[in-house]
């Protein structure tokens, strides 16, 4: 007898932090999974959820990708004997083919690479990065309008099911 595979909805959420602002500011296209080069105190802080990635982006330099703008606040107990830099530049670990694709895309006008999520994959910390084209203000208004319509639609559906 074969074991049935788990559905996506049953799996626990392994996210450390999400960048909700990225969906609002960019039309996200292609996504990549990248490892992050971290120090020990940073991993302990990530376990406690002391991270903020809303202003983070990926910069390409010398054929390597770096995560800028991510702030990992140190724990007071774990980092007493370290010199900590909460907003330091962290190297992203990607394959050469992925690095070339990101470099080619970000060299185009209007394209950027942003970090959308940090999550655990086993005992490793991974970053979900995405290539995106910047939205203009009218696109952002459409996004807000669609989101509000979705909420209103849910409200209508709930009230109509109670009346039956």
C-alpha atoms as a PDB file:
ATOM      1  CA  UNK A   1       0.000   0.000   0.000  1.00  0.00           C
ATOM      2  CA  UNK A   2       1.394   3.406  -0.983  1.00  0.00           C
ATOM      3  CA  UNK A   3       1.399   6.421   1.259  1.00  0.00           C
ATOM      4  CA  UNK A   4      -0.602   9.336  -0.039  1.00  0.00           C
ATOM      5  CA  UNK A   5       1.283  12.564  -0.608  1.00  0.00           C
ATOM      6  CA  UNK A   6       0.485  15.513   1.590  1.00  0.00           C
ATOM      7  CA  UNK A   7      -1.525  18.365   0.195  1.00  0.00           C
ATOM      8  CA  UNK A   8      -0.029  21.822   0.144  1.00  0.00           C
ATOM      9  CA  UNK A   9      -2.591  23.172   2.597  1.00  0.00           C
ATOM     10  CA  UNK A  10      -1.606  20.652   5.295  1.00  0.00           C
ATOM     11  CA  UNK A  11       2.076  21.533   5.326  1.00  0.00           C
ATOM     12  CA  UNK A  12       3.269  23.943   8.012  1.00  0.00           C
ATOM     13  CA  UNK A  13       4.314  27.391   6.860  1.00  0.00           C
ATOM     14  CA  UNK A  14       8.106  27.493   6.966  1.00  0.00           C
ATOM     15  CA  UNK A  15       8.354  31.223   6.205  1.00  0.00           C
ATOM     16  CA  UNK A  16      10.608  33.413   8.310  1.00  0.00           C
ATOM     17  CA  UNK A  17       9.659  36.727   6.699  1.00  0.00           C
ATOM     18  CA  UNK A  18       7.635  37.914   3.710  1.00  0.00           C
ATOM     19  CA  UNK A  19       8.013  41.029   1.587  1.00  0.00           C
ATOM     20  CA  UNK A  20       4.385  41.933   0.856  1.00  0.00           C
ATOM     21  CA  UNK A  21       5.474  45.288  -0.534  1.00  0.00           C
ATOM     22  CA  UNK A  22       7.215  43.567  -3.479  1.00  0.00           C
ATOM     23  CA  UNK A  23       3.891  42.413  -4.983  1.00  0.00           C
ATOM     24  CA  UNK A  24       2.520  45.923  -4.598  1.00  0.00           C
ATOM     25  CA  UNK A  25       5.515  47.709  -6.151  1.00  0.00           C
ATOM     26  CA  UNK A  26       6.473  45.219  -8.905  1.00  0.00           C
ATOM     27  CA  UNK A  27       4.985  42.942 -11.546  1.00  0.00           C
ATOM     28  CA  UNK A  28       6.850  39.794 -10.447  1.00  0.00           C
ATOM     29  CA  UNK A  29       7.887  37.427 -13.238  1.00  0.00           C
ATOM     30  CA  UNK A  30      10.545  34.781 -12.731  1.00  0.00           C
ATOM     31  CA  UNK A  31      11.429  33.405  -9.289  1.00  0.00           C
ATOM     32  CA  UNK A  32      14.633  31.836  -7.989  1.00  0.00           C
ATOM     33  CA  UNK A  33      15.563  29.988  -4.815  1.00  0.00           C
ATOM     34  CA  UNK A  34      18.851  31.220  -3.357  1.00  0.00           C
ATOM     35  CA  UNK A  35      20.871  30.223  -0.341  1.00  0.00           C
ATOM     36  CA  UNK A  36      22.162  32.981   1.943  1.00  0.00           C
ATOM     37  CA  UNK A  37      25.592  33.250   3.492  1.00  0.00           C
ATOM     38  CA  UNK A  38      24.866  33.907   7.186  1.00  0.00           C
ATOM     39  CA  UNK A  39      26.749  34.113  10.463  1.00  0.00           C
ATOM     40  CA  UNK A  40      25.786  32.133  13.574  1.00  0.00           C
ATOM     41  CA  UNK A  41      24.145  35.011  15.436  1.00  0.00           C
ATOM     42  CA  UNK A  42      22.057  35.781  12.349  1.00  0.00           C
ATOM     43  CA  UNK A  43      20.633  32.263  12.257  1.00  0.00           C
ATOM     44  CA  UNK A  44      19.661  32.513  15.929  1.00  0.00           C
ATOM     45  CA  UNK A  45      17.949  35.843  15.269  1.00  0.00           C
ATOM     46  CA  UNK A  46      16.102  34.363  12.285  1.00  0.00           C
ATOM     47  CA  UNK A  47      14.789  31.548  14.490  1.00  0.00           C
ATOM     48  CA  UNK A  48      13.305  34.221  16.753  1.00  0.00           C
ATOM     49  CA  UNK A  49      11.838  36.102  13.757  1.00  0.00           C
ATOM     50  CA  UNK A  50      13.920  39.274  14.164  1.00  0.00           C
ATOM     51  CA  UNK A  51      14.206  40.079  10.470  1.00  0.00           C
ATOM     52  CA  UNK A  52      12.761  42.724   8.142  1.00  0.00           C
ATOM     53  CA  UNK A  53      13.040  42.444   4.339  1.00  0.00           C
ATOM     54  CA  UNK A  54      10.507  44.982   3.054  1.00  0.00           C
ATOM     55  CA  UNK A  55      13.208  47.292   1.618  1.00  0.00           C
ATOM     56  CA  UNK A  56      15.558  44.558   0.430  1.00  0.00           C
ATOM     57  CA  UNK A  57      16.764  44.079  -3.127  1.00  0.00           C
ATOM     58  CA  UNK A  58      19.382  42.052  -4.991  1.00  0.00           C
ATOM     59  CA  UNK A  59      22.494  43.704  -6.422  1.00  0.00           C
ATOM     60  CA  UNK A  60      24.813  42.053  -8.925  1.00  0.00           C
ATOM     61  CA  UNK A  61      28.537  42.768  -8.522  1.00  0.00           C
ATOM     62  CA  UNK A  62      31.539  40.914  -9.996  1.00  0.00           C
ATOM     63  CA  UNK A  63      29.343  38.033 -11.161  1.00  0.00           C
ATOM     64  CA  UNK A  64      27.860  37.479  -7.693  1.00  0.00           C
ATOM     65  CA  UNK A  65      24.485  38.350  -6.180  1.00  0.00           C
ATOM     66  CA  UNK A  66      24.181  40.234  -2.899  1.00  0.00           C
ATOM     67  CA  UNK A  67      21.148  40.924  -0.715  1.00  0.00           C
ATOM     68  CA  UNK A  68      21.003  44.564   0.390  1.00  0.00           C
ATOM     69  CA  UNK A  69      18.532  46.217   2.726  1.00  0.00           C
ATOM     70  CA  UNK A  70      17.620  43.129   4.755  1.00  0.00           C
ATOM     71  CA  UNK A  71      17.848  43.899   8.467  1.00  0.00           C
ATOM     72  CA  UNK A  72      18.492  41.065  10.912  1.00  0.00           C
ATOM     73  CA  UNK A  73      18.406  42.434  14.447  1.00  0.00           C
ATOM     74  CA  UNK A  74      20.754  40.660  16.851  1.00  0.00           C
ATOM     75  CA  UNK A  75      19.506  38.945  19.972  1.00  0.00           C
ATOM     76  CA  UNK A  76      20.766  40.577  23.153  1.00  0.00           C
ATOM     77  CA  UNK A  77      21.655  37.217  24.700  1.00  0.00           C
ATOM     78  CA  UNK A  78      23.302  35.573  21.694  1.00  0.00           C
ATOM     79  CA  UNK A  79      25.410  38.435  20.369  1.00  0.00           C
ATOM     80  CA  UNK A  80      27.151  39.970  23.395  1.00  0.00           C
ATOM     81  CA  UNK A  81      30.651  39.011  22.262  1.00  0.00           C
ATOM     82  CA  UNK A  82      30.207  39.680  18.522  1.00  0.00           C
ATOM     83  CA  UNK A  83      30.442  42.901  16.568  1.00  0.00           C
ATOM     84  CA  UNK A  84      27.074  42.757  14.840  1.00  0.00           C
ATOM     85  CA  UNK A  85      25.998  44.585  11.706  1.00  0.00           C
ATOM     86  CA  UNK A  86      22.209  44.217  11.365  1.00  0.00           C
ATOM     87  CA  UNK A  87      22.050  45.662   7.838  1.00  0.00           C
ATOM     88  CA  UNK A  88      25.185  44.163   6.331  1.00  0.00           C
ATOM     89  CA  UNK A  89      25.336  42.984   2.718  1.00  0.00           C
ATOM     90  CA  UNK A  90      24.821  39.214   2.485  1.00  0.00           C
ATOM     91  CA  UNK A  91      25.965  37.059  -0.409  1.00  0.00           C
ATOM     92  CA  UNK A  92      23.346  34.956  -2.190  1.00  0.00           C
ATOM     93  CA  UNK A  93      24.269  31.483  -3.368  1.00  0.00           C
ATOM     94  CA  UNK A  94      22.985  30.754  -6.877  1.00  0.00           C
ATOM     95  CA  UNK A  95      24.029  28.678  -9.882  1.00  0.00           C
ATOM     96  CA  UNK A  96      26.019  30.418 -12.638  1.00  0.00           C
ATOM     97  CA  UNK A  97      23.159  30.053 -15.108  1.00  0.00           C
ATOM     98  CA  UNK A  98      20.753  31.750 -12.669  1.00  0.00           C
ATOM     99  CA  UNK A  99      23.267  34.527 -11.986  1.00  0.00           C
ATOM    100  CA  UNK A 100      23.630  35.170 -15.716  1.00  0.00           C
ATOM    101  CA  UNK A 101      19.848  35.293 -16.164  1.00  0.00           C
ATOM    102  CA  UNK A 102      19.439  37.774 -13.277  1.00  0.00           C
ATOM    103  CA  UNK A 103      22.302  39.945 -14.555  1.00  0.00           C
ATOM    104  CA  UNK A 104      20.810  40.057 -18.069  1.00  0.00           C
ATOM    105  CA  UNK A 105      17.355  40.930 -16.738  1.00  0.00           C
ATOM    106  CA  UNK A 106      18.450  43.619 -14.271  1.00  0.00           C
ATOM    107  CA  UNK A 107      20.561  45.348 -16.914  1.00  0.00           C
ATOM    108  CA  UNK A 108      17.325  46.131 -18.800  1.00  0.00           C
ATOM    109  CA  UNK A 109      15.587  49.383 -17.977  1.00  0.00           C
ATOM    110  CA  UNK A 110      12.803  49.086 -15.406  1.00  0.00           C
ATOM    111  CA  UNK A 111      13.746  45.596 -14.213  1.00  0.00           C
ATOM    112  CA  UNK A 112      14.786  44.831 -10.650  1.00  0.00           C
ATOM    113  CA  UNK A 113      15.427  41.785  -8.518  1.00  0.00           C
ATOM    114  CA  UNK A 114      13.805  41.754  -5.072  1.00  0.00           C
ATOM    115  CA  UNK A 115      13.660  39.318  -2.187  1.00  0.00           C
ATOM    116  CA  UNK A 116      10.050  38.236  -1.658  1.00  0.00           C
ATOM    117  CA  UNK A 117      10.452  35.728   1.174  1.00  0.00           C
ATOM    118  CA  UNK A 118      12.904  34.088   3.577  1.00  0.00           C
ATOM    119  CA  UNK A 119      12.103  30.530   4.624  1.00  0.00           C
ATOM    120  CA  UNK A 120      13.504  27.347   6.138  1.00  0.00           C
ATOM    121  CA  UNK A 121      14.301  24.398   3.895  1.00  0.00           C
ATOM    122  CA  UNK A 122      15.316  21.740   6.349  1.00  0.00           C
ATOM    123  CA  UNK A 123      17.973  23.387   8.490  1.00  0.00           C
ATOM    124  CA  UNK A 124      18.977  25.861   5.761  1.00  0.00           C
ATOM    125  CA  UNK A 125      17.731  29.405   5.229  1.00  0.00           C
ATOM    126  CA  UNK A 126      16.628  30.119   1.666  1.00  0.00           C
ATOM    127  CA  UNK A 127      15.602  33.339  -0.037  1.00  0.00           C
ATOM    128  CA  UNK A 128      12.881  33.466  -2.658  1.00  0.00           C
ATOM    129  CA  UNK A 129      13.966  36.192  -5.081  1.00  0.00           C
ATOM    130  CA  UNK A 130      12.016  37.401  -8.068  1.00  0.00           C
ATOM    131  CA  UNK A 131      12.644  39.484 -11.156  1.00  0.00           C
ATOM    132  CA  UNK A 132      10.122  42.260 -11.462  1.00  0.00           C
ATOM    133  CA  UNK A 133       9.208  45.279 -13.518  1.00  0.00           C
ATOM    134  CA  UNK A 134       8.311  48.355 -11.479  1.00  0.00           C
ATOM    135  CA  UNK A 135       4.644  49.300 -11.330  1.00  0.00           C
ATOM    136  CA  UNK A 136       3.466  52.809 -11.981  1.00  0.00           C
ATOM    137  CA  UNK A 137       0.923  54.586  -9.779  1.00  0.00           C
ATOM    138  CA  UNK A 138      -2.087  53.656 -11.950  1.00  0.00           C
ATOM    139  CA  UNK A 139      -1.071  49.977 -11.755  1.00  0.00           C
ATOM    140  CA  UNK A 140      -0.906  50.226  -7.962  1.00  0.00           C
ATOM    141  CA  UNK A 141      -4.405  51.724  -7.865  1.00  0.00           C
ATOM    142  CA  UNK A 142      -5.658  48.763  -9.929  1.00  0.00           C
ATOM    143  CA  UNK A 143      -4.028  46.366  -7.462  1.00  0.00           C
ATOM    144  CA  UNK A 144      -5.752  48.060  -4.521  1.00  0.00           C
ATOM    145  CA  UNK A 145      -9.071  48.085  -6.399  1.00  0.00           C
ATOM    146  CA  UNK A 146      -8.808  44.348  -7.177  1.00  0.00           C
ATOM    147  CA  UNK A 147      -7.923  43.515  -3.568  1.00  0.00           C
ATOM    148  CA  UNK A 148     -10.861  45.560  -2.208  1.00  0.00           C
ATOM    149  CA  UNK A 149     -13.231  43.935  -4.706  1.00  0.00           C
ATOM    150  CA  UNK A 150     -12.057  40.482  -3.548  1.00  0.00           C
ATOM    151  CA  UNK A 151     -12.815  41.418   0.068  1.00  0.00           C
ATOM    152  CA  UNK A 152     -16.228  42.828  -0.886  1.00  0.00           C
ATOM    153  CA  UNK A 153     -17.005  39.699  -2.932  1.00  0.00           C
ATOM    154  CA  UNK A 154     -16.214  37.485   0.086  1.00  0.00           C
ATOM    155  CA  UNK A 155     -18.455  39.646   2.274  1.00  0.00           C
ATOM    156  CA  UNK A 156     -21.339  39.361  -0.210  1.00  0.00           C
ATOM    157  CA  UNK A 157     -20.923  35.599  -0.492  1.00  0.00           C
ATOM    158  CA  UNK A 158     -20.926  35.201   3.295  1.00  0.00           C
ATOM    159  CA  UNK A 159     -24.109  37.261   3.701  1.00  0.00           C
ATOM    160  CA  UNK A 160     -25.907  35.485   0.842  1.00  0.00           C
ATOM    161  CA  UNK A 161     -25.140  32.046   2.319  1.00  0.00           C
ATOM    162  CA  UNK A 162     -26.583  33.089   5.709  1.00  0.00           C
ATOM    163  CA  UNK A 163     -29.838  34.288   4.127  1.00  0.00           C
ATOM    164  CA  UNK A 164     -30.510  30.909   2.480  1.00  0.00           C
END
